[in-house]
Protein backbone atom coordinates (compact mmCIF):
# COMPACT_ATOMS: atom_id res chain seq x y z
CA MET A 1 -68.50 -35.39 20.64
CA LYS A 2 -66.74 -32.45 19.15
CA MET A 3 -64.78 -31.87 22.34
CA GLY A 4 -63.55 -35.49 22.23
CA ILE A 5 -62.42 -35.11 18.63
CA LEU A 6 -60.54 -31.89 19.45
CA ALA A 7 -58.80 -33.50 22.42
CA LEU A 8 -57.72 -36.42 20.24
CA ILE A 9 -56.31 -34.09 17.58
CA SER A 10 -54.42 -32.10 20.24
CA ARG A 11 -52.87 -35.27 21.63
CA SER A 12 -51.90 -36.43 18.15
CA ARG A 13 -50.13 -33.15 17.49
CA LYS A 14 -48.15 -33.48 20.71
CA VAL A 15 -47.11 -37.02 19.79
CA LEU A 16 -46.01 -35.92 16.33
CA ALA A 17 -44.03 -33.02 17.82
CA LEU A 18 -42.32 -35.39 20.26
CA ILE A 19 -41.45 -37.82 17.46
CA ALA A 20 -40.04 -34.98 15.35
CA ALA A 21 -37.91 -33.80 18.27
CA LEU A 22 -36.58 -37.28 18.83
CA CYS A 23 -35.65 -37.51 15.13
CA LEU A 24 -33.76 -34.24 15.29
CA ILE A 25 -31.57 -35.30 18.22
CA PRO A 26 -29.19 -37.49 16.11
CA LEU A 27 -28.91 -34.70 13.57
CA LEU A 28 -28.01 -32.20 16.25
CA CYS A 29 -25.47 -34.60 17.73
CA ALA A 30 -23.92 -35.16 14.32
CA ALA A 31 -23.70 -31.43 13.80
CA GLN A 32 -21.82 -31.07 17.12
CA GLU A 33 -18.12 -32.07 16.64
CA PHE A 34 -16.54 -33.51 19.80
CA HIS A 35 -13.05 -34.00 18.30
CA GLY A 36 -10.23 -31.79 17.16
CA GLY A 37 -7.41 -31.93 14.67
CA LEU A 38 -3.79 -31.03 14.08
CA ARG A 39 -2.15 -29.85 10.88
CA GLY A 40 1.33 -28.58 10.32
CA ILE A 41 4.33 -27.84 8.15
CA VAL A 42 7.77 -29.43 8.51
CA GLN A 43 10.66 -27.25 7.35
CA ASP A 44 14.32 -26.47 8.03
CA ALA A 45 15.88 -23.23 9.27
CA SER A 46 15.81 -21.77 5.73
CA GLN A 47 12.06 -22.50 5.50
CA ALA A 48 12.61 -25.23 2.91
CA ARG A 49 9.89 -27.85 3.22
CA ILE A 50 10.89 -31.34 4.37
CA PRO A 51 8.89 -34.21 2.84
CA SER A 52 8.59 -37.77 4.20
CA ALA A 53 9.19 -36.71 7.80
CA THR A 54 7.79 -39.11 10.40
CA ILE A 55 5.25 -37.57 12.78
CA VAL A 56 4.33 -39.33 16.04
CA LEU A 57 1.57 -38.06 18.34
CA HIS A 58 1.36 -39.60 21.81
CA ALA A 59 -1.54 -38.69 24.08
CA ALA A 60 -0.28 -37.34 27.39
CA GLU A 61 -3.08 -38.95 29.42
CA SER A 62 -3.28 -42.32 27.67
CA SER A 63 -1.28 -44.82 25.64
CA VAL A 64 -2.82 -43.68 22.35
CA GLU A 65 -0.20 -43.17 19.64
CA ILE A 66 -0.90 -41.83 16.16
CA ASN A 67 1.57 -41.84 13.27
CA ALA A 68 1.67 -39.72 10.14
CA VAL A 69 4.11 -38.71 7.39
CA SER A 70 4.58 -35.28 5.82
CA ASP A 71 3.66 -35.13 2.13
CA GLU A 72 5.75 -33.89 -0.78
CA HIS A 73 5.06 -30.32 0.32
CA GLY A 74 6.19 -31.00 3.88
CA GLU A 75 2.62 -30.78 5.17
CA PHE A 76 0.65 -33.17 7.39
CA ARG A 77 -2.79 -33.37 9.01
CA VAL A 78 -4.28 -35.58 11.70
CA ASP A 79 -8.04 -35.51 12.34
CA ASN A 80 -10.45 -37.05 14.86
CA LEU A 81 -8.22 -36.41 17.82
CA VAL A 82 -9.63 -36.60 21.32
CA PRO A 83 -9.19 -33.16 22.92
CA GLY A 84 -6.21 -32.94 25.23
CA THR A 85 -2.43 -32.59 25.29
CA TYR A 86 -0.24 -34.58 22.90
CA HIS A 87 3.52 -35.12 22.75
CA LEU A 88 4.60 -34.37 19.18
CA ALA A 89 7.85 -35.90 17.83
CA VAL A 90 9.10 -35.35 14.27
CA ASN A 91 12.01 -37.29 12.76
CA LYS A 92 13.83 -37.17 9.45
CA LYS A 93 17.16 -38.70 8.47
CA GLY A 94 19.92 -36.11 8.62
CA PHE A 95 18.05 -33.93 11.12
CA ALA A 96 17.85 -33.83 14.89
CA GLU A 97 14.54 -34.95 16.36
CA ALA A 98 12.04 -32.12 16.97
CA ARG A 99 9.78 -32.43 20.04
CA SER A 100 6.97 -30.32 21.47
CA ASP A 101 3.71 -30.56 23.43
CA VAL A 102 0.57 -29.41 21.62
CA ALA A 103 -2.97 -28.93 22.91
CA VAL A 104 -5.91 -30.05 20.77
CA MET A 105 -9.24 -28.30 21.40
CA ILE A 106 -12.83 -29.37 20.69
CA SER A 107 -14.15 -28.56 17.20
CA SER A 108 -10.92 -26.87 16.08
CA VAL A 109 -7.80 -27.67 14.09
CA ARG A 110 -4.49 -26.67 15.66
CA ASP A 111 -1.83 -25.32 13.28
CA VAL A 112 1.86 -25.95 14.04
CA THR A 113 5.15 -25.27 12.25
CA VAL A 114 7.98 -27.68 12.93
CA VAL A 115 11.51 -26.34 12.29
CA MET A 116 14.16 -29.07 12.12
CA THR A 117 17.89 -28.55 12.54
CA PRO A 118 20.70 -30.67 11.03
CA GLY A 119 21.73 -33.55 13.23
CA ALA A 120 25.27 -34.35 14.33
CA VAL A 121 27.24 -36.29 11.73
CA GLN A 122 28.37 -39.67 13.02
CA GLN A 123 30.88 -41.82 11.18
CA THR A 124 31.48 -45.41 12.08
CA VAL A 125 34.08 -47.62 10.45
CA SER A 126 33.34 -51.30 10.97
CA VAL A 127 35.34 -54.18 9.53
CA GLN A 128 33.74 -57.59 9.95
CA GLY A 129 35.02 -61.01 9.03
CA GLN A 130 38.60 -59.79 8.55
CA ALA A 131 41.78 -60.05 10.57
CA SER A 132 42.69 -56.97 12.57
CA SER A 133 44.88 -54.43 10.79
CA ILE A 134 46.80 -51.32 11.70
CA THR A 135 44.59 -49.50 9.17
CA THR A 136 41.47 -50.07 11.30
CA ALA A 137 42.99 -49.50 14.73
CA PRO A 138 41.66 -46.38 16.53
CA ILE A 139 44.03 -43.44 17.05
CA ASP A 140 44.24 -41.87 20.49
CA THR A 141 44.51 -38.18 19.60
CA ALA A 142 44.73 -37.20 23.26
CA SER A 143 48.08 -38.96 23.73
CA ALA A 144 51.47 -37.99 22.32
CA VAL A 145 52.50 -41.66 22.30
CA HIS A 146 51.40 -43.65 19.25
CA GLN A 147 51.33 -47.41 19.46
CA GLY A 148 49.95 -50.25 17.40
CA VAL A 149 50.42 -53.82 16.22
CA VAL A 150 51.54 -54.43 12.63
CA MET A 151 50.03 -57.66 11.30
CA ALA A 152 51.23 -59.93 8.49
CA GLN A 153 48.53 -58.67 6.13
CA ASP A 154 49.74 -55.12 6.73
CA LEU A 155 53.18 -56.05 5.44
CA GLU A 156 51.56 -57.55 2.34
CA THR A 157 49.24 -54.68 1.51
CA ILE A 158 50.84 -51.44 2.83
CA PRO A 159 53.86 -49.93 1.02
CA LEU A 160 56.99 -50.10 3.15
CA ALA A 161 59.39 -47.14 2.90
CA ALA A 162 62.68 -48.20 1.31
CA ARG A 163 61.49 -51.81 1.76
CA SER A 164 63.47 -51.81 5.00
CA PHE A 165 62.54 -53.83 8.08
CA ALA A 166 63.61 -50.82 10.15
CA ASN A 167 60.55 -48.95 8.85
CA ILE A 168 57.95 -51.56 9.86
CA ALA A 169 57.30 -49.73 13.12
CA TYR A 170 56.55 -46.58 11.15
CA LEU A 171 53.49 -48.17 9.55
CA VAL A 172 51.67 -47.15 12.75
CA PRO A 173 49.64 -43.96 12.11
CA GLY A 174 51.24 -40.82 13.47
CA THR A 175 54.83 -41.98 12.96
CA GLU A 176 57.33 -41.11 10.23
CA PRO A 177 59.56 -43.52 8.28
CA VAL A 178 63.36 -43.39 8.35
CA GLU A 179 66.00 -44.74 6.00
CA PRO A 180 68.81 -46.54 7.84
CA SER A 181 72.49 -46.27 7.00
CA VAL A 182 73.59 -49.11 4.71
CA SER A 183 77.07 -50.57 4.14
CA LEU A 184 77.51 -52.55 0.90
CA LEU A 185 80.42 -55.01 1.10
CA VAL A 186 82.06 -56.08 -2.17
CA ALA A 187 84.70 -58.86 -2.02
CA ALA A 188 87.02 -58.79 -5.03
CA TYR A 189 89.96 -60.93 -6.18
CA ASN A 190 91.54 -60.17 -9.56
CA GLU A 191 88.34 -58.42 -10.71
CA ALA A 192 89.99 -55.62 -12.68
CA ALA A 193 87.75 -56.32 -15.68
CA ILE A 194 84.49 -55.71 -13.84
CA ILE A 195 85.24 -53.97 -10.53
CA GLY A 196 84.88 -50.49 -12.00
CA GLU A 197 81.38 -51.21 -13.37
CA LYS A 198 80.40 -52.87 -10.06
CA ILE A 199 81.41 -49.80 -8.08
CA ARG A 200 79.58 -47.43 -10.47
CA ASN A 201 76.39 -49.52 -10.22
CA SER A 202 76.62 -49.61 -6.42
CA LEU A 203 77.10 -45.86 -6.13
CA ALA A 204 74.16 -45.27 -8.53
CA LEU A 205 71.63 -46.96 -6.23
CA ASP A 206 68.51 -44.90 -5.50
CA TYR A 207 69.39 -44.28 -1.88
CA PRO A 208 70.51 -41.19 0.09
CA ALA A 209 74.21 -40.71 -0.56
CA GLU A 210 74.93 -39.75 3.05
CA LYS A 211 73.53 -43.10 4.24
CA LEU A 212 75.16 -45.38 1.67
CA GLU A 213 78.67 -46.78 2.16
CA VAL A 214 80.38 -49.11 -0.36
CA VAL A 215 83.21 -51.19 1.07
CA VAL A 216 85.51 -53.07 -1.37
CA ALA A 217 87.75 -55.79 0.07
CA SER A 218 90.54 -57.02 -2.25
CA ASP A 219 92.58 -59.89 -0.82
CA GLY A 220 95.94 -60.04 -2.60
CA SER A 221 94.68 -59.33 -6.13
CA ALA A 222 97.57 -59.65 -8.65
CA ASP A 223 95.90 -57.48 -11.29
CA ALA A 224 94.85 -53.80 -11.24
CA THR A 225 91.82 -54.32 -8.96
CA ALA A 226 93.32 -52.34 -6.07
CA GLU A 227 94.41 -49.45 -8.32
CA ILE A 228 90.93 -49.15 -9.85
CA VAL A 229 89.27 -49.09 -6.42
CA ARG A 230 91.78 -46.45 -5.21
CA SER A 231 91.00 -44.29 -8.24
CA PHE A 232 87.30 -44.31 -7.33
CA ALA A 233 88.05 -43.56 -3.66
CA ALA A 234 90.25 -40.61 -4.65
CA GLY A 235 87.60 -39.10 -6.97
CA ALA A 236 85.62 -36.18 -5.58
CA ASP A 237 82.30 -37.37 -6.98
CA GLY A 238 82.72 -41.04 -7.79
CA GLY A 239 84.23 -41.80 -4.42
CA ARG A 240 81.23 -40.82 -2.27
CA GLY A 241 81.04 -43.23 0.69
CA LEU A 242 83.64 -45.54 -0.89
CA ALA A 243 86.14 -47.33 1.29
CA GLY A 244 88.69 -49.97 0.40
CA THR A 245 90.57 -52.71 2.22
CA PHE A 246 93.54 -54.17 0.39
């Protein structure tokens, strides 16, 4: 009888030990970490931290993609990563994209430092919903020949040198305006009372003296018109570019 009781107690102890072992298995599994992590710092060449950078992790052996953003200190962390190799890409406006491959190990956190460099500056001028203009036409800097089409709106909005039609072509970028020679014809008949003032006003025009010619034509005037014109033509200063036909 006693032997039977002892055998029963021994069996009970074995059952309890087995149950305890089975209960410990989940705890042991929980204690064993089968994933890894990645943490890093995003900074520029001067070691200044870069916040709000976009971090993209793409598993090399699967289509898994994980996204993160660096915090205000330029730091980021990604946990619960399946061990393996990941393609790391970091982007931030104003910087060139930074890329690298990183390996994540079991039960460890991989530390990385991402150094970003300034990206190339791109400028694009786009005019939409407006008629074409010489101001938006591209300039071929590789050619010594400059060409373009001057539109009606260009004539309305762009200052024209000397307000001369001869300078319209010089609205094209890369060209220089010119001022053409001008001949001002004045027809006079018995205008002795006003011809002198007319000549003075004509010679006082805001125009290069070497390109301005004033021609006075007097057809049989019976007063002193011809003499007044001759006196201007004979003067060293007042007679600049002055010619007379009598």
